[in-house]
């Protein structure tokens, strides 16, 4: 957040991409869930996938 406050556009774009990458799957889950437990489970799965993929991508592409 400090980089964004300092005006770093690349950091802002990266954060926006990460938020969209999380929000889009969760929005789809919300639209297609049959109950609250189902929605929470799939939202947790989307969170875990993002948290697990970020270190790999950061190392592989040097982010």
PDB file of N, CA and C in Angstrom:
ATOM      1  N   UNK A   1       0.819  -1.191   0.000  1.00  0.00           N
ATOM      2  CA  UNK A   1       0.000   0.000   0.000  1.00  0.00           C
ATOM      3  C   UNK A   1       0.860   1.249   0.000  1.00  0.00           C
ATOM      4  N   UNK A   2       2.016   1.155   0.608  1.00  0.00           N
ATOM      5  CA  UNK A   2       2.908   2.306   0.640  1.00  0.00           C
ATOM      6  C   UNK A   2       3.368   2.716  -0.748  1.00  0.00           C
ATOM      7  N   UNK A   3       3.651   1.717  -1.594  1.00  0.00           N
ATOM      8  CA  UNK A   3       4.070   2.025  -2.955  1.00  0.00           C
ATOM      9  C   UNK A   3       2.966   2.740  -3.732  1.00  0.00           C
ATOM     10  N   UNK A   4       1.733   2.318  -3.499  1.00  0.00           N
ATOM     11  CA  UNK A   4       0.608   2.949  -4.186  1.00  0.00           C
ATOM     12  C   UNK A   4       0.446   4.392  -3.699  1.00  0.00           C
ATOM     13  N   UNK A   5       0.606   4.596  -2.407  1.00  0.00           N
ATOM     14  CA  UNK A   5       0.507   5.958  -1.864  1.00  0.00           C
ATOM     15  C   UNK A   5       1.609   6.866  -2.408  1.00  0.00           C
ATOM     16  N   UNK A   6       2.749   6.256  -2.727  1.00  0.00           N
ATOM     17  CA  UNK A   6       3.853   7.030  -3.290  1.00  0.00           C
ATOM     18  C   UNK A   6       3.671   7.306  -4.778  1.00  0.00           C
ATOM     19  N   UNK A   7       2.619   6.745  -5.365  1.00  0.00           N
ATOM     20  CA  UNK A   7       2.324   7.003  -6.769  1.00  0.00           C
ATOM     21  C   UNK A   7       2.871   5.971  -7.732  1.00  0.00           C
ATOM     22  N   UNK A   8       3.231   4.789  -7.241  1.00  0.00           N
ATOM     23  CA  UNK A   8       3.764   3.734  -8.098  1.00  0.00           C
ATOM     24  C   UNK A   8       2.613   3.087  -8.868  1.00  0.00           C
ATOM     25  N   UNK A   9       2.518   3.391 -10.154  1.00  0.00           N
ATOM     26  CA  UNK A   9       1.416   2.905 -10.986  1.00  0.00           C
ATOM     27  C   UNK A   9       1.467   1.390 -11.163  1.00  0.00           C
ATOM     28  N   UNK A  10       2.657   0.827 -11.280  1.00  0.00           N
ATOM     29  CA  UNK A  10       2.790  -0.626 -11.456  1.00  0.00           C
ATOM     30  C   UNK A  10       2.228  -1.366 -10.249  1.00  0.00           C
ATOM     31  N   UNK A  11       2.471  -0.868  -9.056  1.00  0.00           N
ATOM     32  CA  UNK A  11       1.935  -1.496  -7.847  1.00  0.00           C
ATOM     33  C   UNK A  11       0.412  -1.410  -7.823  1.00  0.00           C
ATOM     34  N   UNK A  12      -0.123  -0.291  -8.254  1.00  0.00           N
ATOM     35  CA  UNK A  12      -1.578  -0.123  -8.295  1.00  0.00           C
ATOM     36  C   UNK A  12      -2.214  -1.069  -9.300  1.00  0.00           C
ATOM     37  N   UNK A  13      -1.599  -1.209 -10.459  1.00  0.00           N
ATOM     38  CA  UNK A  13      -2.124  -2.119 -11.482  1.00  0.00           C
ATOM     39  C   UNK A  13      -2.041  -3.565 -10.995  1.00  0.00           C
ATOM     40  N   UNK A  14      -0.948  -3.919 -10.332  1.00  0.00           N
ATOM     41  CA  UNK A  14      -0.788  -5.275  -9.809  1.00  0.00           C
ATOM     42  C   UNK A  14      -1.848  -5.591  -8.752  1.00  0.00           C
ATOM     43  N   UNK A  15      -2.084  -4.659  -7.855  1.00  0.00           N
ATOM     44  CA  UNK A  15      -3.107  -4.863  -6.821  1.00  0.00           C
ATOM     45  C   UNK A  15      -4.491  -4.981  -7.450  1.00  0.00           C
ATOM     46  N   UNK A  16      -4.779  -4.151  -8.433  1.00  0.00           N
ATOM     47  CA  UNK A  16      -6.069  -4.211  -9.110  1.00  0.00           C
ATOM     48  C   UNK A  16      -6.269  -5.562  -9.790  1.00  0.00           C
ATOM     49  N   UNK A  17      -5.233  -6.065 -10.439  1.00  0.00           N
ATOM     50  CA  UNK A  17      -5.315  -7.370 -11.080  1.00  0.00           C
ATOM     51  C   UNK A  17      -5.550  -8.487 -10.084  1.00  0.00           C
ATOM     52  N   UNK A  18      -4.867  -8.417  -8.949  1.00  0.00           N
ATOM     53  CA  UNK A  18      -5.051  -9.435  -7.914  1.00  0.00           C
ATOM     54  C   UNK A  18      -6.470  -9.395  -7.350  1.00  0.00           C
ATOM     55  N   UNK A  19      -6.984  -8.196  -7.125  1.00  0.00           N
ATOM     56  CA  UNK A  19      -8.351  -8.077  -6.599  1.00  0.00           C
ATOM     57  C   UNK A  19      -9.383  -8.580  -7.601  1.00  0.00           C
ATOM     58  N   UNK A  20      -9.196  -8.250  -8.869  1.00  0.00           N
ATOM     59  CA  UNK A  20     -10.116  -8.755  -9.892  1.00  0.00           C
ATOM     60  C   UNK A  20      -9.998 -10.269 -10.036  1.00  0.00           C
ATOM     61  N   UNK A  21      -8.778 -10.773  -9.945  1.00  0.00           N
ATOM     62  CA  UNK A  21      -8.568 -12.214 -10.024  1.00  0.00           C
ATOM     63  C   UNK A  21      -9.243 -12.968  -8.888  1.00  0.00           C
ATOM     64  N   UNK A  22      -9.444 -12.313  -7.780  1.00  0.00           N
ATOM     65  CA  UNK A  22     -10.162 -12.928  -6.672  1.00  0.00           C
ATOM     66  C   UNK A  22     -11.662 -12.649  -6.759  1.00  0.00           C
ATOM     67  N   UNK A  23     -12.032 -11.436  -7.118  1.00  0.00           N
ATOM     68  CA  UNK A  23     -13.438 -11.035  -7.097  1.00  0.00           C
ATOM     69  C   UNK A  23     -14.271 -11.733  -8.164  1.00  0.00           C
ATOM     70  N   UNK A  24     -13.710 -11.945  -9.338  1.00  0.00           N
ATOM     71  CA  UNK A  24     -14.482 -12.573 -10.413  1.00  0.00           C
ATOM     72  C   UNK A  24     -14.873 -14.011 -10.063  1.00  0.00           C
ATOM     73  N   UNK A  25     -13.939 -14.878  -9.616  1.00  0.00           N
ATOM     74  CA  UNK A  25     -14.368 -16.231  -9.225  1.00  0.00           C
ATOM     75  C   UNK A  25     -15.355 -16.236  -8.059  1.00  0.00           C
ATOM     76  N   UNK A  26     -15.158 -15.351  -7.089  1.00  0.00           N
ATOM     77  CA  UNK A  26     -16.084 -15.305  -5.946  1.00  0.00           C
ATOM     78  C   UNK A  26     -17.463 -14.834  -6.398  1.00  0.00           C
ATOM     79  N   UNK A  27     -17.530 -13.884  -7.308  1.00  0.00           N
ATOM     80  CA  UNK A  27     -18.831 -13.430  -7.817  1.00  0.00           C
ATOM     81  C   UNK A  27     -19.555 -14.556  -8.546  1.00  0.00           C
ATOM     82  N   UNK A  28     -18.815 -15.341  -9.311  1.00  0.00           N
ATOM     83  CA  UNK A  28     -19.424 -16.476 -10.007  1.00  0.00           C
ATOM     84  C   UNK A  28     -19.903 -17.523  -9.012  1.00  0.00           C
ATOM     85  N   UNK A  29     -19.106 -17.757  -7.967  1.00  0.00           N
ATOM     86  CA  UNK A  29     -19.510 -18.705  -6.924  1.00  0.00           C
ATOM     87  C   UNK A  29     -20.781 -18.235  -6.239  1.00  0.00           C
ATOM     88  N   UNK A  30     -20.855 -16.960  -5.925  1.00  0.00           N
ATOM     89  CA  UNK A  30     -22.048 -16.421  -5.270  1.00  0.00           C
ATOM     90  C   UNK A  30     -23.272 -16.613  -6.162  1.00  0.00           C
ATOM     91  N   UNK A  31     -23.103 -16.402  -7.453  1.00  0.00           N
ATOM     92  CA  UNK A  31     -24.234 -16.522  -8.375  1.00  0.00           C
ATOM     93  C   UNK A  31     -24.718 -17.957  -8.526  1.00  0.00           C
ATOM     94  N   UNK A  32     -23.827 -18.929  -8.347  1.00  0.00           N
ATOM     95  CA  UNK A  32     -24.190 -20.320  -8.623  1.00  0.00           C
ATOM     96  C   UNK A  32     -24.253 -21.212  -7.386  1.00  0.00           C
ATOM     97  N   UNK A  33     -24.091 -20.654  -6.205  1.00  0.00           N
ATOM     98  CA  UNK A  33     -24.127 -21.454  -4.983  1.00  0.00           C
ATOM     99  C   UNK A  33     -25.555 -21.805  -4.602  1.00  0.00           C
ATOM    100  N   UNK A  34     -25.685 -22.962  -3.973  1.00  0.00           N
ATOM    101  CA  UNK A  34     -27.012 -23.395  -3.531  1.00  0.00           C
ATOM    102  C   UNK A  34     -27.281 -23.013  -2.084  1.00  0.00           C
ATOM    103  N   UNK A  35     -26.226 -22.802  -1.303  1.00  0.00           N
ATOM    104  CA  UNK A  35     -26.408 -22.371   0.075  1.00  0.00           C
ATOM    105  C   UNK A  35     -25.157 -21.637   0.557  1.00  0.00           C
ATOM    106  N   UNK A  36     -25.212 -21.114   1.750  1.00  0.00           N
ATOM    107  CA  UNK A  36     -24.123 -20.308   2.284  1.00  0.00           C
ATOM    108  C   UNK A  36     -22.861 -21.130   2.517  1.00  0.00           C
ATOM    109  N   UNK A  37     -23.004 -22.354   2.961  1.00  0.00           N
ATOM    110  CA  UNK A  37     -21.842 -23.210   3.206  1.00  0.00           C
ATOM    111  C   UNK A  37     -21.123 -23.513   1.896  1.00  0.00           C
ATOM    112  N   UNK A  38     -21.878 -23.803   0.857  1.00  0.00           N
ATOM    113  CA  UNK A  38     -21.306 -24.057  -0.466  1.00  0.00           C
ATOM    114  C   UNK A  38     -20.542 -22.825  -0.955  1.00  0.00           C
ATOM    115  N   UNK A  39     -21.141 -21.670  -0.795  1.00  0.00           N
ATOM    116  CA  UNK A  39     -20.493 -20.427  -1.226  1.00  0.00           C
ATOM    117  C   UNK A  39     -19.206 -20.186  -0.449  1.00  0.00           C
ATOM    118  N   UNK A  40     -19.246 -20.370   0.857  1.00  0.00           N
ATOM    119  CA  UNK A  40     -18.064 -20.132   1.682  1.00  0.00           C
ATOM    120  C   UNK A  40     -16.945 -21.106   1.338  1.00  0.00           C
ATOM    121  N   UNK A  41     -17.297 -22.351   1.075  1.00  0.00           N
ATOM    122  CA  UNK A  41     -16.277 -23.349   0.736  1.00  0.00           C
ATOM    123  C   UNK A  41     -15.572 -22.994  -0.570  1.00  0.00           C
ATOM    124  N   UNK A  42     -16.332 -22.611  -1.577  1.00  0.00           N
ATOM    125  CA  UNK A  42     -15.722 -22.275  -2.862  1.00  0.00           C
ATOM    126  C   UNK A  42     -14.977 -20.954  -2.805  1.00  0.00           C
ATOM    127  N   UNK A  43     -15.451 -20.001  -2.023  1.00  0.00           N
ATOM    128  CA  UNK A  43     -14.727 -18.740  -1.849  1.00  0.00           C
ATOM    129  C   UNK A  43     -13.397 -18.996  -1.145  1.00  0.00           C
ATOM    130  N   UNK A  44     -13.403 -19.883  -0.164  1.00  0.00           N
ATOM    131  CA  UNK A  44     -12.161 -20.260   0.510  1.00  0.00           C
ATOM    132  C   UNK A  44     -11.208 -20.947  -0.467  1.00  0.00           C
ATOM    133  N   UNK A  45     -11.757 -21.786  -1.341  1.00  0.00           N
ATOM    134  CA  UNK A  45     -10.930 -22.454  -2.346  1.00  0.00           C
ATOM    135  C   UNK A  45     -10.296 -21.428  -3.285  1.00  0.00           C
ATOM    136  N   UNK A  46     -11.044 -20.429  -3.711  1.00  0.00           N
ATOM    137  CA  UNK A  46     -10.496 -19.386  -4.583  1.00  0.00           C
ATOM    138  C   UNK A  46      -9.387 -18.614  -3.867  1.00  0.00           C
ATOM    139  N   UNK A  47      -9.583 -18.360  -2.589  1.00  0.00           N
ATOM    140  CA  UNK A  47      -8.561 -17.678  -1.798  1.00  0.00           C
ATOM    141  C   UNK A  47      -7.291 -18.508  -1.716  1.00  0.00           C
ATOM    142  N   UNK A  48      -7.441 -19.793  -1.437  1.00  0.00           N
ATOM    143  CA  UNK A  48      -6.280 -20.671  -1.306  1.00  0.00           C
ATOM    144  C   UNK A  48      -5.522 -20.791  -2.625  1.00  0.00           C
ATOM    145  N   UNK A  49      -6.239 -20.895  -3.728  1.00  0.00           N
ATOM    146  CA  UNK A  49      -5.577 -21.001  -5.030  1.00  0.00           C
ATOM    147  C   UNK A  49      -4.750 -19.754  -5.293  1.00  0.00           C
ATOM    148  N   UNK A  50      -5.302 -18.597  -5.012  1.00  0.00           N
ATOM    149  CA  UNK A  50      -4.528 -17.368  -5.235  1.00  0.00           C
ATOM    150  C   UNK A  50      -3.320 -17.289  -4.327  1.00  0.00           C
ATOM    151  N   UNK A  51      -3.494 -17.645  -3.084  1.00  0.00           N
ATOM    152  CA  UNK A  51      -2.369 -17.580  -2.148  1.00  0.00           C
ATOM    153  C   UNK A  51      -1.278 -18.594  -2.488  1.00  0.00           C
ATOM    154  N   UNK A  52      -1.662 -19.736  -3.024  1.00  0.00           N
ATOM    155  CA  UNK A  52      -0.675 -20.751  -3.387  1.00  0.00           C
ATOM    156  C   UNK A  52      -0.006 -20.457  -4.727  1.00  0.00           C
ATOM    157  N   UNK A  53      -0.720 -19.839  -5.642  1.00  0.00           N
ATOM    158  CA  UNK A  53      -0.158 -19.563  -6.969  1.00  0.00           C
ATOM    159  C   UNK A  53       0.739 -18.342  -6.994  1.00  0.00           C
ATOM    160  N   UNK A  54       0.514 -17.391  -6.125  1.00  0.00           N
ATOM    161  CA  UNK A  54       1.314 -16.170  -6.173  1.00  0.00           C
ATOM    162  C   UNK A  54       2.804 -16.423  -5.979  1.00  0.00           C
ATOM    163  N   UNK A  55       3.229 -17.198  -4.970  1.00  0.00           N
ATOM    164  CA  UNK A  55       4.679 -17.411  -4.816  1.00  0.00           C
ATOM    165  C   UNK A  55       5.297 -18.098  -6.032  1.00  0.00           C
ATOM    166  N   UNK A  56       4.583 -19.039  -6.629  1.00  0.00           N
ATOM    167  CA  UNK A  56       5.096 -19.706  -7.825  1.00  0.00           C
ATOM    168  C   UNK A  56       5.265 -18.716  -8.968  1.00  0.00           C
ATOM    169  N   UNK A  57       4.238 -17.921  -9.215  1.00  0.00           N
ATOM    170  CA  UNK A  57       4.297 -16.948 -10.308  1.00  0.00           C
ATOM    171  C   UNK A  57       5.358 -15.891 -10.040  1.00  0.00           C
ATOM    172  N   UNK A  58       5.475 -15.453  -8.797  1.00  0.00           N
ATOM    173  CA  UNK A  58       6.470 -14.440  -8.454  1.00  0.00           C
ATOM    174  C   UNK A  58       7.880 -14.975  -8.692  1.00  0.00           C
ATOM    175  N   UNK A  59       8.088 -16.234  -8.383  1.00  0.00           N
ATOM    176  CA  UNK A  59       9.414 -16.812  -8.586  1.00  0.00           C
ATOM    177  C   UNK A  59       9.673 -17.090 -10.061  1.00  0.00           C
ATOM    178  N   UNK A  60       8.675 -17.613 -10.759  1.00  0.00           N
ATOM    179  CA  UNK A  60       8.858 -18.003 -12.145  1.00  0.00           C
ATOM    180  C   UNK A  60       9.026 -16.796 -13.060  1.00  0.00           C
ATOM    181  N   UNK A  61       8.207 -15.770 -12.857  1.00  0.00           N
ATOM    182  CA  UNK A  61       8.265 -14.595 -13.720  1.00  0.00           C
ATOM    183  C   UNK A  61       9.027 -13.435 -13.091  1.00  0.00           C
ATOM    184  N   UNK A  62       9.546 -13.649 -11.901  1.00  0.00           N
ATOM    185  CA  UNK A  62      10.343 -12.609 -11.263  1.00  0.00           C
ATOM    186  C   UNK A  62       9.556 -11.403 -10.821  1.00  0.00           C
ATOM    187  N   UNK A  63       8.342 -11.624 -10.373  1.00  0.00           N
ATOM    188  CA  UNK A  63       7.495 -10.493  -9.944  1.00  0.00           C
ATOM    189  C   UNK A  63       7.897 -10.012  -8.575  1.00  0.00           C
TER     190      UNK A  63
END
